Protein backbone atom coordinates (compact mmCIF):
# COMPACT_ATOMS: atom_id res chain seq x y z
CA UNK A 1 36.74 3.37 3.68
CA UNK A 2 37.43 2.32 7.28
CA UNK A 3 39.26 5.04 9.18
CA UNK A 4 41.16 2.62 11.39
CA UNK A 5 41.52 -1.15 11.31
CA UNK A 6 42.29 -3.22 14.37
CA UNK A 7 45.25 -5.59 14.16
CA UNK A 8 42.72 -8.45 13.84
CA UNK A 9 40.94 -6.75 10.95
CA UNK A 10 44.19 -5.91 9.17
CA UNK A 11 45.34 -9.53 9.39
CA UNK A 12 41.95 -10.76 8.16
CA UNK A 13 41.91 -8.27 5.28
CA UNK A 14 45.32 -9.45 4.05
CA UNK A 15 44.45 -13.12 4.57
CA UNK A 16 41.19 -12.87 2.61
CA UNK A 17 42.91 -11.01 -0.24
CA UNK A 18 45.64 -13.66 -0.43
CA UNK A 19 43.05 -16.46 -0.46
CA UNK A 20 40.92 -14.76 -3.13
CA UNK A 21 43.82 -14.00 -5.45
CA UNK A 22 46.11 -17.00 -4.93
CA UNK A 23 44.29 -19.95 -3.39
CA UNK A 24 42.29 -22.66 -5.16
CA UNK A 25 40.23 -23.27 -2.01
CA UNK A 26 36.59 -22.40 -2.61
CA UNK A 27 35.61 -21.35 0.93
CA UNK A 28 37.16 -18.88 3.34
CA UNK A 29 35.77 -19.00 6.89
CA UNK A 30 35.74 -15.74 8.85
CA UNK A 31 34.60 -16.03 12.46
CA UNK A 32 34.24 -13.20 14.92
CA UNK A 33 32.80 -12.44 18.31
CA UNK A 34 30.20 -9.73 18.87
CA UNK A 35 31.64 -6.22 18.61
CA UNK A 36 34.67 -7.13 16.49
CA UNK A 37 33.43 -5.41 13.32
CA UNK A 38 32.85 -8.40 11.03
CA UNK A 39 30.37 -6.67 8.73
CA UNK A 40 32.44 -3.48 8.52
CA UNK A 41 35.52 -5.52 7.65
CA UNK A 42 33.67 -7.45 4.95
CA UNK A 43 32.45 -4.24 3.33
CA UNK A 44 36.00 -2.84 3.34
CA UNK A 45 37.68 -6.02 2.09
CA UNK A 46 35.20 -6.82 -0.67
CA UNK A 47 34.73 -3.27 -1.97
CA UNK A 48 38.11 -1.66 -1.31
CA UNK A 49 40.74 -4.39 -1.17
CA UNK A 50 39.24 -6.74 -3.78
CA UNK A 51 37.54 -4.02 -5.82
CA UNK A 52 34.27 -5.95 -6.20
CA UNK A 53 30.83 -4.35 -6.41
CA UNK A 54 28.01 -5.58 -4.14
CA UNK A 55 24.95 -6.82 -6.03
CA UNK A 56 27.05 -7.10 -9.23
CA UNK A 57 30.38 -8.92 -8.95
CA UNK A 58 29.84 -9.80 -5.26
CA UNK A 59 26.64 -11.30 -3.83
CA UNK A 60 25.96 -10.69 -0.13
CA UNK A 61 23.43 -13.18 1.24
CA UNK A 62 22.00 -14.22 4.61
CA UNK A 63 19.80 -17.13 5.78
CA UNK A 64 16.83 -14.84 6.57
CA UNK A 65 15.25 -11.67 5.26
CA UNK A 66 15.59 -10.00 8.68
CA UNK A 67 19.34 -10.68 8.68
CA UNK A 68 19.59 -9.30 5.14
CA UNK A 69 18.10 -6.00 6.27
CA UNK A 70 20.85 -5.65 8.91
CA UNK A 71 23.38 -5.60 6.05
CA UNK A 72 21.18 -3.29 3.99
CA UNK A 73 21.03 -0.79 6.86
CA UNK A 74 24.84 -0.95 6.91
CA UNK A 75 24.97 0.11 3.27
CA UNK A 76 25.42 -3.33 1.71
CA UNK A 77 22.85 -4.59 -0.85
CA UNK A 78 21.87 -8.07 0.32
CA UNK A 79 19.32 -10.77 -0.33
CA UNK A 80 18.47 -14.18 1.08
CA UNK A 81 20.46 -17.29 0.40
CA UNK A 82 17.28 -18.99 -0.78
CA UNK A 83 16.66 -16.35 -3.46
CA UNK A 84 20.22 -16.62 -4.79
CA UNK A 85 20.44 -20.37 -5.22
CA UNK A 86 16.87 -21.52 -5.86
CA UNK A 87 14.48 -20.76 -8.70
CA UNK A 88 10.73 -20.44 -8.16
CA UNK A 89 8.55 -22.40 -10.58
CA UNK A 90 4.79 -22.90 -10.76
CA UNK A 91 3.42 -26.43 -11.01
CA UNK A 92 -0.26 -27.17 -11.67
CA UNK A 93 -1.91 -30.24 -10.23
CA UNK A 94 -5.27 -31.47 -8.96
CA UNK A 95 -6.26 -32.17 -5.39
CA UNK A 96 -9.52 -33.28 -3.81
CA UNK A 97 -11.29 -30.69 -1.65
CA UNK A 98 -14.63 -31.66 -0.15
CA UNK A 99 -14.70 -34.67 -2.45
CA UNK A 100 -14.26 -32.80 -5.74
CA UNK A 101 -11.14 -32.18 -7.83
CA UNK A 102 -9.73 -28.65 -7.71
CA UNK A 103 -6.85 -27.29 -9.77
CA UNK A 104 -3.95 -26.15 -7.62
CA UNK A 105 -0.99 -24.00 -8.59
CA UNK A 106 1.95 -24.68 -6.32
CA UNK A 107 5.16 -22.71 -6.11
CA UNK A 108 8.15 -25.09 -6.02
CA UNK A 109 11.81 -24.23 -5.69
CA UNK A 110 14.60 -25.97 -7.54
CA UNK A 111 18.29 -25.31 -7.20
CA UNK A 112 19.48 -23.16 -10.06
CA UNK A 113 21.73 -24.76 -12.66
CA UNK A 114 23.97 -21.70 -12.46
CA UNK A 115 24.06 -18.17 -11.08
CA UNK A 116 24.95 -14.90 -12.79
CA UNK A 117 28.43 -15.28 -14.35
CA UNK A 118 29.28 -11.74 -13.26
CA UNK A 119 29.30 -12.94 -9.62
CA UNK A 120 32.88 -13.69 -8.64
CA UNK A 121 32.35 -13.94 -4.90
CA UNK A 122 29.51 -14.97 -2.58
CA UNK A 123 29.58 -13.53 0.94
CA UNK A 124 27.36 -15.49 3.32
CA UNK A 125 26.75 -13.68 6.62
CA UNK A 126 25.16 -15.16 9.78
CA UNK A 127 26.69 -18.47 8.76
CA UNK A 128 26.15 -19.98 12.20
CA UNK A 129 22.48 -20.48 11.20
CA UNK A 130 23.32 -22.51 8.07
CA UNK A 131 23.71 -26.30 8.09
CA UNK A 132 26.36 -28.17 6.13
CA UNK A 133 23.62 -29.62 3.91
CA UNK A 134 22.49 -26.17 2.73
CA UNK A 135 26.11 -25.12 2.29
CA UNK A 136 26.69 -28.03 -0.08
CA UNK A 137 23.95 -26.68 -2.37
CA UNK A 138 25.81 -23.36 -2.67
CA UNK A 139 29.20 -24.95 -3.22
CA UNK A 140 27.96 -26.74 -6.33
CA UNK A 141 28.03 -23.44 -8.22
CA UNK A 142 31.82 -23.40 -7.94
CA UNK A 143 31.97 -19.71 -6.96
CA UNK A 144 34.40 -18.62 -4.28
CA UNK A 145 32.72 -17.92 -0.94
CA UNK A 146 33.45 -16.07 2.26
CA UNK A 147 31.31 -17.46 5.05
CA UNK A 148 31.06 -15.25 8.11
CA UNK A 149 29.60 -16.01 11.49
CA UNK A 150 29.94 -15.94 15.24
CA UNK A 151 31.26 -19.30 16.41
CA UNK A 152 30.20 -18.55 19.99
CA UNK A 153 26.50 -18.55 19.03
CA UNK A 154 24.11 -21.47 19.16
CA UNK A 155 24.47 -24.10 16.40
CA UNK A 156 21.71 -24.54 13.77
CA UNK A 157 18.47 -26.11 15.02
CA UNK A 158 18.63 -28.63 12.17
CA UNK A 159 21.80 -30.17 10.80
CA UNK A 160 25.43 -29.47 11.61
CA UNK A 161 27.73 -26.56 10.92
CA UNK A 162 31.30 -27.83 11.06
CA UNK A 163 33.03 -24.99 9.18
CA UNK A 164 32.86 -22.43 12.00
CA UNK A 165 34.65 -24.78 14.37
CA UNK A 166 37.82 -24.36 12.29
CA UNK A 167 37.84 -20.80 10.90
CA UNK A 168 40.63 -19.40 8.77
CA UNK A 169 40.73 -16.43 11.09
CA UNK A 170 38.73 -15.35 14.13
CA UNK A 171 38.28 -11.70 15.09
CA UNK A 172 38.50 -11.22 18.85
CA UNK A 173 39.51 -7.58 19.35
CA UNK A 174 36.61 -5.23 20.07
CA UNK A 175 36.54 -2.32 17.61
CA UNK A 176 36.94 1.21 18.94
CA UNK A 177 33.25 2.03 18.40
CA UNK A 178 32.27 -0.83 20.75
CA UNK A 179 34.84 -0.21 23.48
CA UNK A 180 33.06 0.37 26.76
CA UNK A 181 29.78 -1.11 25.49
CA UNK A 182 28.41 -2.99 28.54
CA UNK A 183 26.34 -5.32 26.34
CA UNK A 184 29.51 -6.56 24.64
CA UNK A 185 31.20 -6.93 28.03
CA UNK A 186 28.33 -9.01 29.42
CA UNK A 187 28.30 -11.11 26.24
CA UNK A 188 32.00 -11.90 26.69
CA UNK A 189 31.41 -12.88 30.31
CA UNK A 190 28.54 -15.14 29.26
CA UNK A 191 30.64 -16.78 26.54
CA UNK A 192 33.37 -17.53 29.07
CA UNK A 193 30.85 -19.06 31.45
CA UNK A 194 31.34 -16.37 34.10
CA UNK A 195 28.62 -15.55 36.60
CA UNK A 196 27.12 -12.13 35.85
CA UNK A 197 26.27 -10.34 39.11
CA UNK A 198 23.05 -8.39 39.60
CA UNK A 199 23.39 -4.66 39.05
CA UNK A 200 23.49 -1.77 36.61
CA UNK A 201 26.15 -1.73 33.91
CA UNK A 202 26.13 1.90 32.86
CA UNK A 203 22.80 3.11 31.53
CA UNK A 204 22.49 0.46 28.81
CA UNK A 205 22.56 -2.93 30.57
CA UNK A 206 20.91 -4.17 33.75
CA UNK A 207 20.79 -7.56 35.50
CA UNK A 208 17.76 -7.80 37.79
CA UNK A 209 15.92 -10.33 39.91
CA UNK A 210 12.68 -11.35 38.21
CA UNK A 211 11.11 -12.30 41.55
CA UNK A 212 11.94 -8.99 43.25
CA UNK A 213 10.94 -6.77 40.34
CA UNK A 214 7.93 -4.64 41.20
CA UNK A 215 4.89 -5.22 38.95
CA UNK A 216 4.85 -1.61 37.72
CA UNK A 217 8.50 -1.85 36.63
CA UNK A 218 7.96 -5.23 35.03
CA UNK A 219 5.12 -3.80 32.95
CA UNK A 220 7.19 -0.73 32.03
CA UNK A 221 10.22 -2.76 30.93
CA UNK A 222 8.13 -5.21 28.92
CA UNK A 223 6.22 -2.52 27.05
CA UNK A 224 9.35 -0.49 26.23
CA UNK A 225 11.42 -3.44 24.96
CA UNK A 226 11.47 -4.06 21.23
CA UNK A 227 11.70 -7.80 21.96
CA UNK A 228 11.43 -10.16 24.92
CA UNK A 229 13.52 -13.34 24.68
CA UNK A 230 13.34 -16.52 26.77
CA UNK A 231 14.32 -20.18 26.61
CA UNK A 232 11.37 -22.24 27.88
CA UNK A 233 8.00 -22.61 26.12
CA UNK A 234 6.10 -22.27 29.39
CA UNK A 235 7.71 -18.89 30.02
CA UNK A 236 7.05 -17.80 26.46
CA UNK A 237 3.33 -18.61 26.72
CA UNK A 238 3.03 -16.88 30.09
CA UNK A 239 4.76 -13.68 28.95
CA UNK A 240 2.74 -13.49 25.73
CA UNK A 241 -0.47 -13.73 27.75
CA UNK A 242 0.85 -11.08 30.14
CA UNK A 243 1.70 -8.72 27.28
CA UNK A 244 -1.72 -9.15 25.69
CA UNK A 245 -3.26 -8.17 29.01
CA UNK A 246 -1.13 -5.02 29.23
CA UNK A 247 -2.20 -4.09 25.70
CA UNK A 248 -5.86 -4.95 26.35
CA UNK A 249 -6.01 -7.70 23.71
CA UNK A 250 -8.29 -10.67 24.34
CA UNK A 251 -9.51 -13.70 22.42
CA UNK A 252 -8.15 -14.36 18.93
CA UNK A 253 -5.38 -12.17 17.43
CA UNK A 254 -6.55 -8.61 16.86
CA UNK A 255 -5.47 -5.64 14.76
CA UNK A 256 -2.08 -4.40 15.99
CA UNK A 257 -0.98 -7.68 17.55
CA UNK A 258 2.59 -8.93 17.22
CA UNK A 259 2.92 -12.43 15.71
CA UNK A 260 5.76 -14.73 14.70
CA UNK A 261 5.59 -17.24 11.85
CA UNK A 262 6.37 -20.78 13.01
CA UNK A 263 6.48 -22.68 9.71
CA UNK A 264 8.07 -22.05 6.31
CA UNK A 265 5.61 -21.22 3.53
CA UNK A 266 7.63 -20.69 0.36
CA UNK A 267 4.45 -19.91 -1.60
CA UNK A 268 3.65 -16.81 0.47
CA UNK A 269 5.69 -13.66 -0.21
CA UNK A 270 5.83 -10.77 2.24
CA UNK A 271 6.79 -8.04 -0.26
CA UNK A 272 5.67 -6.83 -3.70
CA UNK A 273 9.02 -7.68 -5.31
CA UNK A 274 8.83 -11.31 -4.13
CA UNK A 275 12.26 -11.07 -2.48
CA UNK A 276 11.31 -12.55 0.89
CA UNK A 277 9.09 -15.49 1.81
CA UNK A 278 6.93 -16.12 4.84
CA UNK A 279 9.39 -18.33 6.69
CA UNK A 280 9.81 -19.65 10.20
CA UNK A 281 10.89 -16.80 12.48
CA UNK A 282 9.37 -13.87 10.55
CA UNK A 283 8.00 -11.38 13.11
CA UNK A 284 5.35 -8.84 12.19
CA UNK A 285 2.07 -7.15 12.98
CA UNK A 286 -1.59 -7.76 12.17
CA UNK A 287 -2.91 -4.84 10.13
CA UNK A 288 -6.45 -6.08 9.55
CA UNK A 289 -8.02 -9.43 10.39
CA UNK A 290 -11.23 -11.38 9.84
CA UNK A 291 -12.24 -14.88 10.81
CA UNK A 292 -14.16 -17.37 8.70
CA UNK A 293 -15.11 -20.98 9.20
CA UNK A 294 -13.66 -23.24 11.87
CA UNK A 295 -10.27 -22.25 13.29
CA UNK A 296 -9.41 -20.20 10.22
CA UNK A 297 -8.44 -16.54 9.90
CA UNK A 298 -7.42 -14.13 7.13
CA UNK A 299 -5.28 -11.10 7.80
CA UNK A 300 -3.27 -8.30 6.29
CA UNK A 301 0.22 -8.73 7.74
CA UNK A 302 3.38 -6.64 7.72
CA UNK A 303 6.81 -8.02 8.65
CA UNK A 304 8.62 -5.84 11.18
CA UNK A 305 11.51 -5.10 8.81
CA UNK A 306 9.29 -4.13 5.86
CA UNK A 307 7.63 -0.81 5.01
CA UNK A 308 4.82 -2.47 3.08
CA UNK A 309 2.10 -5.01 3.83
CA UNK A 310 2.19 -8.50 2.39
CA UNK A 311 0.85 -8.21 -1.17
CA UNK A 312 -1.77 -10.92 -0.56
CA UNK A 313 -4.14 -11.72 2.26
CA UNK A 314 -2.51 -14.18 4.68
CA UNK A 315 -4.69 -17.16 5.68
CA UNK A 316 -3.76 -18.76 9.02
CA UNK A 317 -4.68 -21.56 11.39
CA UNK A 318 -6.26 -20.12 14.54
CA UNK A 319 -6.38 -23.42 16.42
CA UNK A 320 -3.16 -22.63 18.30
CA UNK A 321 -4.77 -19.47 19.69
CA UNK A 322 -8.00 -21.26 20.65
CA UNK A 323 -6.85 -24.43 22.37
CA UNK A 324 -3.06 -24.57 22.09
CA UNK A 325 -2.82 -26.82 19.01
CA UNK A 326 -3.01 -26.22 15.27
CA UNK A 327 -6.28 -27.58 13.90
CA UNK A 328 -5.19 -28.39 10.34
CA UNK A 329 -2.36 -30.48 8.98
CA UNK A 330 0.48 -28.72 7.24
CA UNK A 331 -0.09 -28.92 3.48
CA UNK A 332 -3.89 -29.22 3.62
CA UNK A 333 -5.61 -27.30 0.80
CA UNK A 334 -8.79 -25.23 1.01
CA UNK A 335 -10.95 -23.94 -1.84
CA UNK A 336 -10.68 -20.24 -2.71
CA UNK A 337 -13.69 -18.25 -4.01
CA UNK A 338 -14.00 -14.81 -5.58
CA UNK A 339 -16.50 -12.14 -4.49
CA UNK A 340 -19.21 -13.73 -6.67
CA UNK A 341 -18.78 -17.12 -5.04
CA UNK A 342 -16.96 -18.75 -7.96
CA UNK A 343 -14.19 -21.22 -7.16
CA UNK A 344 -10.80 -19.76 -8.18
CA UNK A 345 -8.35 -22.36 -6.87
CA UNK A 346 -6.97 -23.34 -3.50
CA UNK A 347 -4.78 -22.09 -0.68
CA UNK A 348 -2.87 -23.43 2.32
CA UNK A 349 -2.80 -22.03 5.86
CA UNK A 350 0.12 -20.29 7.51
CA UNK A 351 1.09 -20.92 11.11
CA UNK A 352 1.69 -18.16 13.66
CA UNK A 353 2.01 -17.66 17.39
CA UNK A 354 2.18 -14.51 19.49
CA UNK A 355 5.53 -12.76 19.09
CA UNK A 356 5.86 -10.46 22.10
CA UNK A 357 8.15 -13.05 23.69
CA UNK A 358 10.11 -15.46 21.49
CA UNK A 359 12.75 -18.14 21.99
CA UNK A 360 16.44 -17.35 21.63
CA UNK A 361 16.65 -19.78 18.69
CA UNK A 362 13.91 -17.84 16.87
CA UNK A 363 15.75 -14.57 17.60
CA UNK A 364 18.99 -15.68 15.92
CA UNK A 365 19.89 -13.63 12.87
CA UNK A 366 18.00 -10.62 14.23
CA UNK A 367 19.06 -7.63 16.24
CA UNK A 368 16.79 -5.45 18.34
CA UNK A 369 17.36 -1.93 19.60
CA UNK A 370 16.30 -3.03 23.09
CA UNK A 371 15.65 -6.48 24.56
CA UNK A 372 14.54 -8.09 27.81
CA UNK A 373 16.17 -11.49 28.25
CA UNK A 374 14.87 -14.08 30.70
CA UNK A 375 18.04 -15.96 31.60
CA UNK A 376 16.90 -19.56 31.25
CA UNK A 377 20.31 -20.76 30.09
CA UNK A 378 20.25 -23.46 32.78
CA UNK A 379 17.83 -25.43 30.58
CA UNK A 380 20.41 -25.82 27.79
CA UNK A 381 23.08 -27.80 29.66
CA UNK A 382 26.26 -27.98 27.52
CA UNK A 383 25.02 -25.08 25.37
CA UNK A 384 24.30 -22.94 28.43
CA UNK A 385 27.03 -20.35 27.76
CA UNK A 386 26.26 -20.24 24.02
CA UNK A 387 22.56 -19.69 24.73
CA UNK A 388 23.12 -16.74 27.05
CA UNK A 389 25.76 -15.21 24.76
CA UNK A 390 23.40 -15.47 21.78
CA UNK A 391 20.49 -13.98 23.73
CA UNK A 392 22.55 -11.05 25.04
CA UNK A 393 23.95 -10.19 21.61
CA UNK A 394 20.45 -9.77 20.14
CA UNK A 395 20.29 -6.39 21.96
CA UNK A 396 21.89 -3.49 20.12
CA UNK A 397 21.52 -0.52 22.49
CA UNK A 398 19.66 -1.54 25.66
CA UNK A 399 19.51 -4.82 27.57
CA UNK A 400 17.70 -6.06 30.67
CA UNK A 401 18.51 -9.56 31.93
CA UNK A 402 15.98 -11.09 34.33
CA UNK A 403 16.69 -14.22 36.32
């Protein structure tokens, strides 16, 4: 139970209840700026006001596994949108590898004909990352939906998201727990296009000159940050190389290195329960690694939000780490052998890059305890304010902006 609702939250709570009980409209759009208590409100409205039970009569979903864990840490059972609406099926076919036919089992996903009849409401968080095309797949189930997102964030990389431009209600009042939070203050200034002066904002947020920063402080800030975020690929490559030098890593990815997945592989799961797939944007760490053949590696990998390693060895294309380009085409198959040298099927390669520094687009849907942000918003023209706002709001407790 929420101890105290803001006027915004009270109005939203009543509005959602009226829509759910009396309206024939399928979708309710809740927008809210950072710090306005969107997730807390949703938990209160769904569980208390509507009397629904998460994971039973109400399904909380997000576009990514990392975003789902943010809800889970807040006490809300959640899963990915993909797992709710698509069904995994195995298809067997033959493909030619080295001139000979090899049987291949492929995991394919088809939209479910229906979802659990007990589900009376779908709550889709981080909606700003979802395109209208994906939304249409969910709507076909005919279940009422609350879609929740921050309409000040960047739009989806692919497709459009028109719903957030006309929300039913938009939370703007900062909740009491976030009052005085300098990160929220800087985010608001960024959203409004205001210039953010250099300086210290309490002990949690700092805006510094990248050129004047002493090397020893630069190294200290980089190593202490949970995530470094930038906008330009050249910067990303440079910082990742710099971080590897600090950590004494050289050559191909080594044990302990931080990587980010750059391509969806729906056939590769990252947990024993097969809840989450190896999708674009998954960040994690190399646990063990070995290299075989030309530009090919095999590693044990653990996503940063999981407490267990991937259940299977993760094969990956090392070309990007060798000469800056992936060697193999996406979808190419390679023959798999057992310990006795017998052919047992085929596999495809995953794609990764170093993840010490990532783009703001890749960081969407995630939150980090501390972040260093290279302010390269100038490169995003009309989305300049949205870019900086999105980058700033990835930091939960500590933020350093360099420009």
